[in-house]
Amino acid sequence: MATEHRPHSPSEAEPSSAKEDPGARRRGAGGKLRLPRRRPLREGVLAAFGRSLAVARRNSKSAGSDPVNAVHEYRKALRRARAVVSLLTPALGRRAARGVTRHLRDAFRTTSAFRDADILLQTLSSVPPVPEEDLARHTLQVGLELEQRRTRRETAETLAIGIEALSSLKGALEILLDPVFSGQDLEKGLIRSRRRERRALESARRSGDMADLHEWRKRIKELRYELELLASTGSRELKKREKALGELAKDLGEVTDLWVLAREIERRGNESQIPPASPMVSRIRSLATGRSSELLERGTGLFEEDPRHFARQVVAERG
């Protein structure tokens, strides 16, 4: 499955109005995790979780008029909600957190087919064309555009079903979260997230495997959204940390999408859906390998602190 970042520019198969819709920009800007000021911590965290679900619901209703942006923002909202649950896991307990996360993950996965063609087309456009690969490239592009059209007809219905399954989650989280939730619980959640990110990084460095790199990216995004929540009322330094994580996650997404594109080209060639394109596959993988090495090095030096020091500092900078 392709990873997720910005929606690609509309192709000929897609109305230009999706790109130009000013309401889409407003919806995207309103989706960030924020802690309401002058409210107790527990109440603020629950409000941020509920707001993410509300953003997902709003985008599910706009899918008919703007399916590209709706799916993109719906998925980001669910990622943010999952990050909140991850941060709360030590306070909730693993079993309870797993139950909430399962519902969010199921609603997220129903949209995968809608994003795959979009991301593959966007990634293909980022690879410089080579004349001898023109036939395979053109055949792949046409096939992806047809899939894009087909899946978009089903977008509104699928998002509506997905959001309906999440209608009771905010109430469930209110019941599950300890009434005395405190900054110490935040610290425990951050320690857990940072340790998960470090383990994923080490696995990616050892193996160099795309699946491990993608897992590290997921942990980076999770930690980034947690810092987004806390930086909303925090110091300038904390906001810089969140921005650095966001930029790293974006760059990692571009690399993992190159790997997914290479795998998809190889699969379609083996199944005779497109002309064989081994040179293009090798070229894309070589490009991805070079970029991933640089990003692994960048991620290693991003934060010097151990998980406990990192978590204490973030909580202190939250204000």
Protein backbone atom coordinates (compact mmCIF):
# COMPACT_ATOMS: atom_id res chain seq x y z
CA MET A 1 0.00 0.00 0.00
CA ALA A 2 1.28 3.44 -0.86
CA THR A 3 2.11 5.80 1.96
CA GLU A 4 0.48 9.15 2.39
CA HIS A 5 1.49 12.78 1.99
CA ARG A 6 0.11 15.75 0.04
CA PRO A 7 -2.61 15.12 -2.54
CA HIS A 8 -1.09 15.13 -6.02
CA SER A 9 -1.88 17.74 -8.61
CA PRO A 10 -4.95 16.80 -10.61
CA SER A 11 -4.35 14.86 -13.81
CA GLU A 12 -6.50 15.05 -16.90
CA ALA A 13 -8.73 12.41 -15.30
CA GLU A 14 -9.56 14.78 -12.46
CA PRO A 15 -11.50 18.08 -12.42
CA SER A 16 -9.26 21.10 -11.79
CA SER A 17 -11.76 22.44 -9.25
CA ALA A 18 -10.44 19.93 -6.68
CA LYS A 19 -7.16 21.83 -6.64
CA GLU A 20 -8.65 25.28 -6.56
CA ASP A 21 -11.30 24.80 -3.88
CA PRO A 22 -10.52 27.43 -1.16
CA GLY A 23 -12.68 25.51 1.33
CA ALA A 24 -10.30 22.58 1.03
CA ARG A 25 -7.45 24.77 2.27
CA ARG A 26 -9.52 25.95 5.21
CA ARG A 27 -10.46 22.39 6.15
CA GLY A 28 -6.84 21.26 6.03
CA ALA A 29 -5.64 24.18 8.15
CA GLY A 30 -8.24 23.42 10.83
CA GLY A 31 -7.22 19.83 11.47
CA LYS A 32 -4.19 20.26 13.72
CA LEU A 33 -4.15 18.84 17.23
CA ARG A 34 -4.45 21.57 19.83
CA LEU A 35 -4.84 21.69 23.60
CA PRO A 36 -7.50 24.27 24.49
CA ARG A 37 -6.09 26.95 26.78
CA ARG A 38 -7.36 27.41 30.32
CA ARG A 39 -8.86 23.94 30.47
CA PRO A 40 -7.76 20.97 32.62
CA LEU A 41 -5.27 18.67 30.89
CA ARG A 42 -7.55 15.63 30.76
CA GLU A 43 -10.42 17.68 29.36
CA GLY A 44 -8.11 19.27 26.79
CA VAL A 45 -6.72 15.95 25.54
CA LEU A 46 -10.21 14.50 25.18
CA ALA A 47 -11.32 17.64 23.33
CA ALA A 48 -8.39 17.27 20.90
CA PHE A 49 -9.32 13.65 20.25
CA GLY A 50 -12.96 14.57 19.67
CA ARG A 51 -11.94 17.39 17.35
CA SER A 52 -9.94 14.98 15.17
CA LEU A 53 -13.02 12.79 14.83
CA ALA A 54 -15.08 15.87 13.97
CA VAL A 55 -12.59 16.80 11.22
CA ALA A 56 -12.84 13.27 9.82
CA ARG A 57 -16.65 13.48 9.92
CA ARG A 58 -16.64 16.86 8.17
CA ASN A 59 -14.46 15.54 5.39
CA SER A 60 -16.58 12.43 4.98
CA LYS A 61 -19.51 14.74 4.21
CA SER A 62 -17.52 16.72 1.61
CA ALA A 63 -16.30 13.64 -0.27
CA GLY A 64 -18.89 13.99 -3.02
CA SER A 65 -17.67 17.43 -4.09
CA ASP A 66 -13.94 17.07 -3.37
CA PRO A 67 -12.94 13.40 -3.03
CA VAL A 68 -9.17 13.94 -3.27
CA ASN A 69 -8.94 16.43 -0.41
CA ALA A 70 -11.67 14.70 1.61
CA VAL A 71 -9.87 11.35 1.72
CA HIS A 72 -6.52 13.00 2.43
CA GLU A 73 -7.85 15.07 5.34
CA TYR A 74 -10.00 12.20 6.64
CA ARG A 75 -6.93 9.97 6.86
CA LYS A 76 -4.82 12.66 8.52
CA ALA A 77 -7.54 13.23 11.09
CA LEU A 78 -7.63 9.52 11.95
CA ARG A 79 -3.83 9.43 12.19
CA ARG A 80 -4.00 12.30 14.67
CA ALA A 81 -6.68 10.54 16.70
CA ARG A 82 -4.54 7.39 16.79
CA ALA A 83 -1.55 9.45 17.96
CA VAL A 84 -3.61 10.77 20.87
CA VAL A 85 -4.55 7.22 21.85
CA SER A 86 -0.90 6.18 21.59
CA LEU A 87 0.08 9.02 23.92
CA LEU A 88 -2.60 7.92 26.38
CA THR A 89 -1.76 4.20 26.24
CA PRO A 90 0.14 3.97 29.59
CA ALA A 91 -2.83 5.69 31.31
CA LEU A 92 -5.50 3.67 29.48
CA GLY A 93 -3.77 0.31 29.63
CA ARG A 94 -2.76 -1.63 26.53
CA ARG A 95 -5.96 -3.62 26.22
CA ALA A 96 -8.24 -0.57 26.28
CA ALA A 97 -5.95 1.42 23.98
CA ARG A 98 -5.80 -1.48 21.54
CA GLY A 99 -9.58 -1.61 21.35
CA VAL A 100 -9.92 2.10 20.50
CA THR A 101 -7.02 1.94 18.03
CA ARG A 102 -8.54 -1.07 16.26
CA HIS A 103 -11.68 0.94 15.41
CA LEU A 104 -9.59 3.85 14.13
CA ARG A 105 -7.37 1.54 12.09
CA ASP A 106 -10.31 -0.24 10.49
CA ALA A 107 -11.88 3.08 9.44
CA PHE A 108 -8.51 4.19 8.07
CA ARG A 109 -7.89 1.04 6.05
CA THR A 110 -11.16 1.28 4.16
CA THR A 111 -9.73 4.31 2.34
CA SER A 112 -6.45 2.72 1.21
CA ALA A 113 -7.62 1.95 -2.32
CA PHE A 114 -8.65 5.59 -2.81
CA ARG A 115 -5.17 6.87 -1.94
CA ASP A 116 -2.98 4.28 -3.66
CA ALA A 117 -3.56 5.40 -7.26
CA ASP A 118 -3.22 9.06 -6.25
CA ILE A 119 0.10 8.51 -4.48
CA LEU A 120 1.50 6.25 -7.21
CA LEU A 121 0.64 8.83 -9.87
CA GLN A 122 2.21 11.60 -7.82
CA THR A 123 5.35 9.57 -7.23
CA LEU A 124 5.60 8.56 -10.89
CA SER A 125 5.50 12.24 -11.87
CA SER A 126 8.48 12.90 -9.56
CA VAL A 127 10.69 10.39 -11.41
CA PRO A 128 12.48 12.02 -14.38
CA PRO A 129 11.33 10.33 -17.64
CA VAL A 130 13.73 8.36 -19.81
CA PRO A 131 12.78 7.89 -23.52
CA GLU A 132 13.34 4.13 -23.57
CA GLU A 133 10.85 3.73 -20.71
CA ASP A 134 8.08 5.79 -22.32
CA LEU A 135 5.78 2.89 -23.28
CA ALA A 136 5.83 1.23 -19.85
CA ARG A 137 5.45 4.58 -18.11
CA HIS A 138 2.51 5.65 -20.27
CA THR A 139 0.74 2.29 -19.85
CA LEU A 140 1.18 2.45 -16.08
CA GLN A 141 -0.11 6.01 -15.92
CA VAL A 142 -3.22 5.21 -17.94
CA GLY A 143 -3.96 2.19 -15.75
CA LEU A 144 -3.56 4.21 -12.55
CA GLU A 145 -5.80 7.00 -13.84
CA LEU A 146 -8.54 4.48 -14.64
CA GLU A 147 -8.27 3.05 -11.12
CA GLN A 148 -8.40 6.58 -9.73
CA ARG A 149 -11.68 7.31 -11.53
CA ARG A 150 -13.25 4.02 -10.45
CA THR A 151 -12.42 4.32 -6.77
CA ARG A 152 -13.54 7.95 -6.49
CA ARG A 153 -17.07 7.03 -7.39
CA GLU A 154 -17.22 5.03 -4.15
CA THR A 155 -15.48 7.57 -1.89
CA ALA A 156 -18.46 9.27 -0.26
CA GLU A 157 -20.19 6.02 0.67
CA THR A 158 -17.07 4.44 2.11
CA LEU A 159 -16.17 7.46 4.24
CA ALA A 160 -19.72 7.71 5.54
CA ILE A 161 -19.64 4.06 6.65
CA GLY A 162 -16.20 4.50 8.22
CA ILE A 163 -17.13 7.55 10.28
CA GLU A 164 -20.37 5.96 11.49
CA ALA A 165 -18.32 3.19 13.10
CA LEU A 166 -16.40 5.82 15.10
CA SER A 167 -19.40 7.72 16.47
CA SER A 168 -19.10 6.33 20.00
CA LEU A 169 -15.31 6.50 20.40
CA LYS A 170 -15.05 9.87 22.14
CA GLY A 171 -17.55 8.78 24.77
CA ALA A 172 -15.70 5.51 25.24
CA LEU A 173 -12.40 7.32 25.73
CA GLU A 174 -13.95 9.62 28.33
CA ILE A 175 -15.03 6.57 30.31
CA LEU A 176 -11.68 4.78 29.95
CA LEU A 177 -9.33 7.67 30.79
CA ASP A 178 -8.50 8.06 34.49
CA PRO A 179 -10.10 11.20 36.00
CA VAL A 180 -6.74 12.14 37.57
CA PHE A 181 -4.80 12.04 34.29
CA SER A 182 -1.75 14.30 34.73
CA GLY A 183 1.50 15.55 33.26
CA GLN A 184 3.21 12.44 34.60
CA ASP A 185 0.94 10.33 32.39
CA LEU A 186 1.92 12.48 29.41
CA GLU A 187 5.56 11.85 30.23
CA LYS A 188 5.01 8.08 30.31
CA GLY A 189 3.25 8.24 26.94
CA LEU A 190 6.10 10.22 25.39
CA ILE A 191 8.70 7.80 26.77
CA ARG A 192 6.82 4.92 25.18
CA SER A 193 6.50 6.68 21.81
CA ARG A 194 10.14 7.71 21.74
CA ARG A 195 11.28 4.18 22.56
CA ARG A 196 9.11 2.79 19.76
CA GLU A 197 10.59 5.31 17.34
CA ARG A 198 14.16 4.44 18.38
CA ARG A 199 13.54 0.69 18.00
CA ALA A 200 12.03 1.22 14.55
CA LEU A 201 14.99 3.38 13.53
CA GLU A 202 17.50 0.74 14.63
CA SER A 203 15.61 -1.97 12.70
CA ALA A 204 15.60 0.21 9.58
CA ARG A 205 19.32 0.94 9.92
CA ARG A 206 20.20 -2.73 10.35
CA SER A 207 18.06 -4.13 7.54
CA GLY A 208 17.75 -1.30 5.03
CA ASP A 209 14.40 -2.90 4.21
CA MET A 210 11.53 -0.79 2.90
CA ALA A 211 9.06 -2.31 5.36
CA ASP A 212 11.28 -1.32 8.29
CA LEU A 213 11.78 2.16 6.87
CA HIS A 214 8.01 2.54 6.52
CA GLU A 215 7.51 1.38 10.11
CA TRP A 216 10.01 3.99 11.29
CA ARG A 217 8.14 6.64 9.32
CA LYS A 218 4.89 5.67 11.06
CA ARG A 219 6.55 6.03 14.45
CA ILE A 220 7.98 9.43 13.42
CA LYS A 221 4.52 10.62 12.35
CA GLU A 222 2.98 9.36 15.57
CA LEU A 223 5.56 11.21 17.67
CA ARG A 224 5.19 14.31 15.50
CA TYR A 225 1.42 14.46 16.09
CA GLU A 226 1.93 14.01 19.82
CA LEU A 227 4.32 16.96 19.81
CA GLU A 228 1.87 18.91 17.64
CA LEU A 229 -0.70 18.51 20.41
CA LEU A 230 1.66 19.62 23.16
CA ALA A 231 3.40 22.36 21.15
CA SER A 232 0.07 24.11 20.59
CA THR A 233 0.50 25.69 24.04
CA GLY A 234 4.24 25.14 24.31
CA SER A 235 7.55 26.90 23.78
CA ARG A 236 9.13 28.01 20.51
CA GLU A 237 11.71 25.25 20.91
CA LEU A 238 9.00 22.61 21.17
CA LYS A 239 7.36 23.95 18.01
CA LYS A 240 10.74 23.62 16.25
CA ARG A 241 10.98 19.98 17.34
CA GLU A 242 7.51 19.27 15.98
CA LYS A 243 8.37 20.96 12.67
CA ALA A 244 11.60 18.96 12.32
CA LEU A 245 9.67 15.71 12.84
CA GLY A 246 7.08 16.78 10.28
CA GLU A 247 9.73 17.52 7.66
CA LEU A 248 11.45 14.20 8.29
CA ALA A 249 8.15 12.30 8.01
CA LYS A 250 7.38 14.04 4.71
CA ASP A 251 10.79 13.20 3.24
CA LEU A 252 10.51 9.60 4.45
CA GLY A 253 7.11 9.37 2.78
CA GLU A 254 8.62 10.35 -0.56
CA VAL A 255 11.26 7.63 -0.23
CA THR A 256 8.88 4.86 0.80
CA ASP A 257 6.55 5.85 -2.02
CA LEU A 258 9.44 5.33 -4.47
CA TRP A 259 9.87 1.79 -3.12
CA VAL A 260 6.13 1.12 -3.44
CA LEU A 261 6.14 2.46 -7.00
CA ALA A 262 9.06 0.20 -7.96
CA ARG A 263 7.27 -2.81 -6.49
CA GLU A 264 4.06 -1.92 -8.34
CA ILE A 265 5.86 -1.53 -11.67
CA GLU A 266 7.57 -4.88 -11.14
CA ARG A 267 4.27 -6.58 -10.26
CA ARG A 268 2.42 -5.21 -13.26
CA GLY A 269 5.28 -6.14 -15.55
CA ASN A 270 5.31 -9.72 -14.24
CA GLU A 271 1.54 -9.91 -14.79
CA SER A 272 1.88 -8.48 -18.33
CA GLN A 273 -0.24 -5.44 -17.45
CA ILE A 274 2.56 -3.17 -18.70
CA PRO A 275 5.68 -3.79 -20.83
CA PRO A 276 8.66 -5.11 -18.81
CA ALA A 277 10.47 -2.23 -17.15
CA SER A 278 13.38 -3.68 -15.17
CA PRO A 279 15.68 -0.70 -15.87
CA MET A 280 13.06 1.73 -14.54
CA VAL A 281 12.55 -0.41 -11.42
CA SER A 282 16.30 -0.50 -10.79
CA ARG A 283 16.61 3.25 -11.32
CA ILE A 284 13.79 4.03 -8.88
CA ARG A 285 15.15 1.67 -6.23
CA SER A 286 18.61 3.15 -6.57
CA LEU A 287 17.17 6.62 -6.09
CA ALA A 288 15.22 5.48 -3.02
CA THR A 289 18.26 3.75 -1.49
CA GLY A 290 20.39 6.88 -1.78
CA ARG A 291 17.74 9.06 -0.20
CA SER A 292 16.94 6.60 2.60
CA SER A 293 20.61 6.47 3.70
CA GLU A 294 20.65 10.24 4.14
CA LEU A 295 17.36 10.23 6.06
CA LEU A 296 18.45 7.45 8.40
CA GLU A 297 21.53 9.49 9.23
CA ARG A 298 19.40 12.59 9.75
CA GLY A 299 16.99 10.72 12.00
CA THR A 300 19.81 9.34 14.12
CA GLY A 301 21.00 12.81 15.09
CA LEU A 302 17.60 14.48 15.31
CA PHE A 303 17.36 14.25 19.11
CA GLU A 304 20.28 13.50 21.37
CA GLU A 305 18.29 12.88 24.53
CA ASP A 306 17.38 9.43 25.78
CA PRO A 307 13.62 8.74 25.93
CA ARG A 308 13.18 9.77 29.55
CA HIS A 309 15.13 13.00 29.13
CA PHE A 310 13.25 13.73 25.92
CA ALA A 311 9.86 13.21 27.56
CA ARG A 312 10.70 15.34 30.62
CA GLN A 313 11.93 18.15 28.40
CA VAL A 314 8.85 18.08 26.18
CA VAL A 315 6.49 18.14 29.18
CA ALA A 316 8.47 21.02 30.69
CA GLU A 317 8.37 22.96 27.42
CA ARG A 318 4.64 22.40 27.12
CA GLY A 319 4.09 25.12 29.68
